[in-house]
C-alpha atoms as a PDB file:
ATOM      1  CA  UNK A   1      23.631   2.621   6.622  1.00  0.00           C
ATOM      2  CA  UNK A   2      21.287   5.408   5.578  1.00  0.00           C
ATOM      3  CA  UNK A   3      17.571   5.109   6.362  1.00  0.00           C
ATOM      4  CA  UNK A   4      16.657   4.807   2.661  1.00  0.00           C
ATOM      5  CA  UNK A   5      19.071   1.900   2.237  1.00  0.00           C
ATOM      6  CA  UNK A   6      17.724   0.235   5.376  1.00  0.00           C
ATOM      7  CA  UNK A   7      14.254   0.546   3.847  1.00  0.00           C
ATOM      8  CA  UNK A   8      15.568  -0.920   0.582  1.00  0.00           C
ATOM      9  CA  UNK A   9      17.076  -3.901   2.383  1.00  0.00           C
ATOM     10  CA  UNK A  10      13.869  -4.396   4.415  1.00  0.00           C
ATOM     11  CA  UNK A  11      11.741  -4.383   1.256  1.00  0.00           C
ATOM     12  CA  UNK A  12      14.104  -6.906  -0.358  1.00  0.00           C
ATOM     13  CA  UNK A  13      13.534  -9.170   2.623  1.00  0.00           C
ATOM     14  CA  UNK A  14       9.767  -8.675   2.308  1.00  0.00           C
ATOM     15  CA  UNK A  15      10.050  -9.818  -1.319  1.00  0.00           C
ATOM     16  CA  UNK A  16      11.863 -13.006  -0.298  1.00  0.00           C
ATOM     17  CA  UNK A  17       9.308 -13.604   2.464  1.00  0.00           C
ATOM     18  CA  UNK A  18       6.439 -13.232  -0.021  1.00  0.00           C
ATOM     19  CA  UNK A  19       8.006 -15.904  -2.254  1.00  0.00           C
ATOM     20  CA  UNK A  20       8.197 -18.245   0.740  1.00  0.00           C
ATOM     21  CA  UNK A  21       4.536 -17.525   1.502  1.00  0.00           C
ATOM     22  CA  UNK A  22       3.663 -18.272  -2.133  1.00  0.00           C
ATOM     23  CA  UNK A  23       5.515 -21.585  -1.887  1.00  0.00           C
ATOM     24  CA  UNK A  24       3.420 -22.572   1.129  1.00  0.00           C
ATOM     25  CA  UNK A  25       0.228 -21.670  -0.718  1.00  0.00           C
ATOM     26  CA  UNK A  26       1.363 -23.519  -3.843  1.00  0.00           C
ATOM     27  CA  UNK A  27       2.054 -26.651  -1.787  1.00  0.00           C
ATOM     28  CA  UNK A  28      -1.550 -26.410  -0.561  1.00  0.00           C
ATOM     29  CA  UNK A  29      -2.812 -25.890  -4.155  1.00  0.00           C
ATOM     30  CA  UNK A  30      -4.051 -22.393  -3.263  1.00  0.00           C
ATOM     31  CA  UNK A  31      -3.213 -20.910  -6.646  1.00  0.00           C
ATOM     32  CA  UNK A  32      -5.053 -17.591  -6.249  1.00  0.00           C
ATOM     33  CA  UNK A  33      -3.324 -16.822  -2.956  1.00  0.00           C
ATOM     34  CA  UNK A  34       0.036 -17.932  -4.345  1.00  0.00           C
ATOM     35  CA  UNK A  35      -0.400 -15.658  -7.356  1.00  0.00           C
ATOM     36  CA  UNK A  36      -1.184 -12.758  -5.041  1.00  0.00           C
ATOM     37  CA  UNK A  37       1.933 -13.354  -2.933  1.00  0.00           C
ATOM     38  CA  UNK A  38       4.102 -13.740  -6.028  1.00  0.00           C
ATOM     39  CA  UNK A  39       2.944 -10.395  -7.372  1.00  0.00           C
ATOM     40  CA  UNK A  40       3.670  -8.795  -4.022  1.00  0.00           C
ATOM     41  CA  UNK A  41       7.161 -10.292  -4.043  1.00  0.00           C
ATOM     42  CA  UNK A  42       7.830  -8.445  -7.305  1.00  0.00           C
ATOM     43  CA  UNK A  43       6.151  -5.298  -6.006  1.00  0.00           C
ATOM     44  CA  UNK A  44       8.284  -5.259  -2.841  1.00  0.00           C
ATOM     45  CA  UNK A  45      11.437  -5.894  -4.883  1.00  0.00           C
ATOM     46  CA  UNK A  46      10.628  -2.969  -7.188  1.00  0.00           C
ATOM     47  CA  UNK A  47       9.930  -0.734  -4.195  1.00  0.00           C
ATOM     48  CA  UNK A  48      13.269  -1.810  -2.704  1.00  0.00           C
ATOM     49  CA  UNK A  49      15.032  -0.430  -5.751  1.00  0.00           C
ATOM     50  CA  UNK A  50      12.944   2.731  -5.683  1.00  0.00           C
ATOM     51  CA  UNK A  51      13.974   3.260  -2.048  1.00  0.00           C
ATOM     52  CA  UNK A  52      17.642   3.408  -3.095  1.00  0.00           C
ATOM     53  CA  UNK A  53      16.717   6.628  -4.890  1.00  0.00           C
ATOM     54  CA  UNK A  54      14.223   7.911  -2.330  1.00  0.00           C
ATOM     55  CA  UNK A  55      11.336   7.249  -4.732  1.00  0.00           C
ATOM     56  CA  UNK A  56       7.945   5.672  -4.086  1.00  0.00           C
ATOM     57  CA  UNK A  57       4.328   5.886  -5.144  1.00  0.00           C
ATOM     58  CA  UNK A  58       1.034   5.339  -3.364  1.00  0.00           C
ATOM     59  CA  UNK A  59      -0.300   3.505  -6.428  1.00  0.00           C
ATOM     60  CA  UNK A  60       0.824   0.175  -7.857  1.00  0.00           C
ATOM     61  CA  UNK A  61       0.791   1.645 -11.359  1.00  0.00           C
ATOM     62  CA  UNK A  62       2.989   4.480 -10.089  1.00  0.00           C
ATOM     63  CA  UNK A  63       5.535   2.032  -8.670  1.00  0.00           C
ATOM     64  CA  UNK A  64       5.604   0.200 -12.001  1.00  0.00           C
ATOM     65  CA  UNK A  65       6.035   3.449 -13.950  1.00  0.00           C
ATOM     66  CA  UNK A  66       8.840   4.721 -11.676  1.00  0.00           C
ATOM     67  CA  UNK A  67      10.565   1.348 -11.825  1.00  0.00           C
ATOM     68  CA  UNK A  68      10.429   1.393 -15.636  1.00  0.00           C
ATOM     69  CA  UNK A  69      11.699   4.962 -15.809  1.00  0.00           C
ATOM     70  CA  UNK A  70      14.581   4.688 -13.330  1.00  0.00           C
ATOM     71  CA  UNK A  71      15.727   1.087 -13.645  1.00  0.00           C
ATOM     72  CA  UNK A  72      14.622  -0.364 -16.974  1.00  0.00           C
ATOM     73  CA  UNK A  73      15.040   2.549 -19.380  1.00  0.00           C
ATOM     74  CA  UNK A  74      18.460   3.189 -17.823  1.00  0.00           C
ATOM     75  CA  UNK A  75      19.498  -0.431 -18.387  1.00  0.00           C
ATOM     76  CA  UNK A  76      20.021  -1.258 -14.710  1.00  0.00           C
ATOM     77  CA  UNK A  77      17.412  -4.038 -14.914  1.00  0.00           C
ATOM     78  CA  UNK A  78      16.997  -5.818 -18.246  1.00  0.00           C
ATOM     79  CA  UNK A  79      13.719  -5.361 -20.077  1.00  0.00           C
ATOM     80  CA  UNK A  80      13.232  -9.120 -20.282  1.00  0.00           C
ATOM     81  CA  UNK A  81      13.378  -9.484 -16.493  1.00  0.00           C
ATOM     82  CA  UNK A  82      11.438  -6.258 -15.911  1.00  0.00           C
ATOM     83  CA  UNK A  83       8.430  -7.493 -17.935  1.00  0.00           C
ATOM     84  CA  UNK A  84       7.634  -9.748 -15.000  1.00  0.00           C
ATOM     85  CA  UNK A  85       6.410  -6.834 -12.866  1.00  0.00           C
ATOM     86  CA  UNK A  86       3.577  -5.519 -15.065  1.00  0.00           C
ATOM     87  CA  UNK A  87       2.693  -9.065 -16.196  1.00  0.00           C
ATOM     88  CA  UNK A  88       2.369 -10.254 -12.590  1.00  0.00           C
ATOM     89  CA  UNK A  89       0.341  -7.136 -11.740  1.00  0.00           C
ATOM     90  CA  UNK A  90      -2.141  -7.912 -14.521  1.00  0.00           C
ATOM     91  CA  UNK A  91      -2.332 -11.571 -13.465  1.00  0.00           C
ATOM     92  CA  UNK A  92      -2.983 -10.608  -9.872  1.00  0.00           C
ATOM     93  CA  UNK A  93      -5.625  -8.059 -10.862  1.00  0.00           C
ATOM     94  CA  UNK A  94      -7.434 -10.626 -12.970  1.00  0.00           C
ATOM     95  CA  UNK A  95      -7.175 -13.319 -10.312  1.00  0.00           C
ATOM     96  CA  UNK A  96      -8.290 -11.060  -7.468  1.00  0.00           C
ATOM     97  CA  UNK A  97     -11.110  -9.196  -9.186  1.00  0.00           C
ATOM     98  CA  UNK A  98     -12.501 -11.301 -12.053  1.00  0.00           C
ATOM     99  CA  UNK A  99     -15.125 -13.605 -10.609  1.00  0.00           C
ATOM    100  CA  UNK A 100     -14.535 -16.376 -13.118  1.00  0.00           C
ATOM    101  CA  UNK A 101     -10.739 -16.207 -13.393  1.00  0.00           C
ATOM    102  CA  UNK A 102      -9.064 -19.114 -11.655  1.00  0.00           C
ATOM    103  CA  UNK A 103      -5.278 -19.302 -11.995  1.00  0.00           C
ATOM    104  CA  UNK A 104      -3.929 -22.724 -12.858  1.00  0.00           C
ATOM    105  CA  UNK A 105      -0.968 -24.569 -11.393  1.00  0.00           C
ATOM    106  CA  UNK A 106       1.184 -24.351 -14.511  1.00  0.00           C
ATOM    107  CA  UNK A 107       0.764 -20.606 -14.897  1.00  0.00           C
ATOM    108  CA  UNK A 108       1.494 -19.955 -11.222  1.00  0.00           C
ATOM    109  CA  UNK A 109       4.582 -22.197 -11.256  1.00  0.00           C
ATOM    110  CA  UNK A 110       5.906 -20.475 -14.381  1.00  0.00           C
ATOM    111  CA  UNK A 111       5.280 -17.069 -12.839  1.00  0.00           C
ATOM    112  CA  UNK A 112       7.119 -18.134  -9.686  1.00  0.00           C
ATOM    113  CA  UNK A 113      10.244 -18.865 -11.731  1.00  0.00           C
ATOM    114  CA  UNK A 114      10.078 -15.421 -13.355  1.00  0.00           C
ATOM    115  CA  UNK A 115       9.353 -13.687 -10.048  1.00  0.00           C
ATOM    116  CA  UNK A 116      12.338 -15.339  -8.400  1.00  0.00           C
ATOM    117  CA  UNK A 117      14.621 -14.054 -11.181  1.00  0.00           C
ATOM    118  CA  UNK A 118      13.094 -10.591 -10.828  1.00  0.00           C
ATOM    119  CA  UNK A 119      13.529 -10.510  -7.038  1.00  0.00           C
ATOM    120  CA  UNK A 120      17.126 -11.727  -7.271  1.00  0.00           C
ATOM    121  CA  UNK A 121      17.973  -9.128  -9.940  1.00  0.00           C
ATOM    122  CA  UNK A 122      16.499  -6.330  -7.825  1.00  0.00           C
ATOM    123  CA  UNK A 123      18.163  -7.546  -4.624  1.00  0.00           C
ATOM    124  CA  UNK A 124      21.529  -7.720  -6.403  1.00  0.00           C
ATOM    125  CA  UNK A 125      21.218  -4.059  -7.424  1.00  0.00           C
ATOM    126  CA  UNK A 126      20.146  -3.059  -3.900  1.00  0.00           C
ATOM    127  CA  UNK A 127      23.217  -4.785  -2.455  1.00  0.00           C
ATOM    128  CA  UNK A 128      25.470  -3.148  -5.065  1.00  0.00           C
ATOM    129  CA  UNK A 129      24.130   0.283  -4.100  1.00  0.00           C
ATOM    130  CA  UNK A 130      24.658  -0.484  -0.409  1.00  0.00           C
ATOM    131  CA  UNK A 131      28.222  -1.667  -1.055  1.00  0.00           C
ATOM    132  CA  UNK A 132      29.033   1.313  -3.284  1.00  0.00           C
ATOM    133  CA  UNK A 133      27.650   3.885  -0.868  1.00  0.00           C
ATOM    134  CA  UNK A 134      29.324   2.157   2.063  1.00  0.00           C
ATOM    135  CA  UNK A 135      32.691   2.501   0.317  1.00  0.00           C
ATOM    136  CA  UNK A 136      32.209   6.240  -0.195  1.00  0.00           C
ATOM    137  CA  UNK A 137      31.852   7.142   3.453  1.00  0.00           C
END
C-alpha cells in the first residue's frame, strides 16, 4: 500500500479512536471534552480522505475547505453528511473558547450520532480507494 493510503487508513483509525474517547467522556458526563473528541473524530476522518489525494492543510478551516472542494462538491460525500464537519467545528470552537458556553448532554449525544455517520462515510470511501488502487497494481 502506498504511504498516502497508509496515512489515510491511520487517520481513519484515529477517527474511530476519538469516538471511543468521546464515549468514555460522555459516560462520565464530561460534555465539553466529549464534544472536543467528537469534533476531532470528524476532523481526522476528513483528513483521511484528503490523504487519499495527497492533500492537507495546517489550518482546520483549510481542511474543511479542501474537504468541501474535493469530496462534497464532487458528490463523493453527500452534503447532508458533510454538514457535520463545519457544524462540529463551530460547536467545538464555542465550547472550547466561550467562557459561558457549556454543551448539554442532548446536543452532544445528537452530535455523536451525526459524527459516527460522517466517520463511517469517510472510512468507506478510504477503503474503496484502497481497494481500487490495490486492484490496479
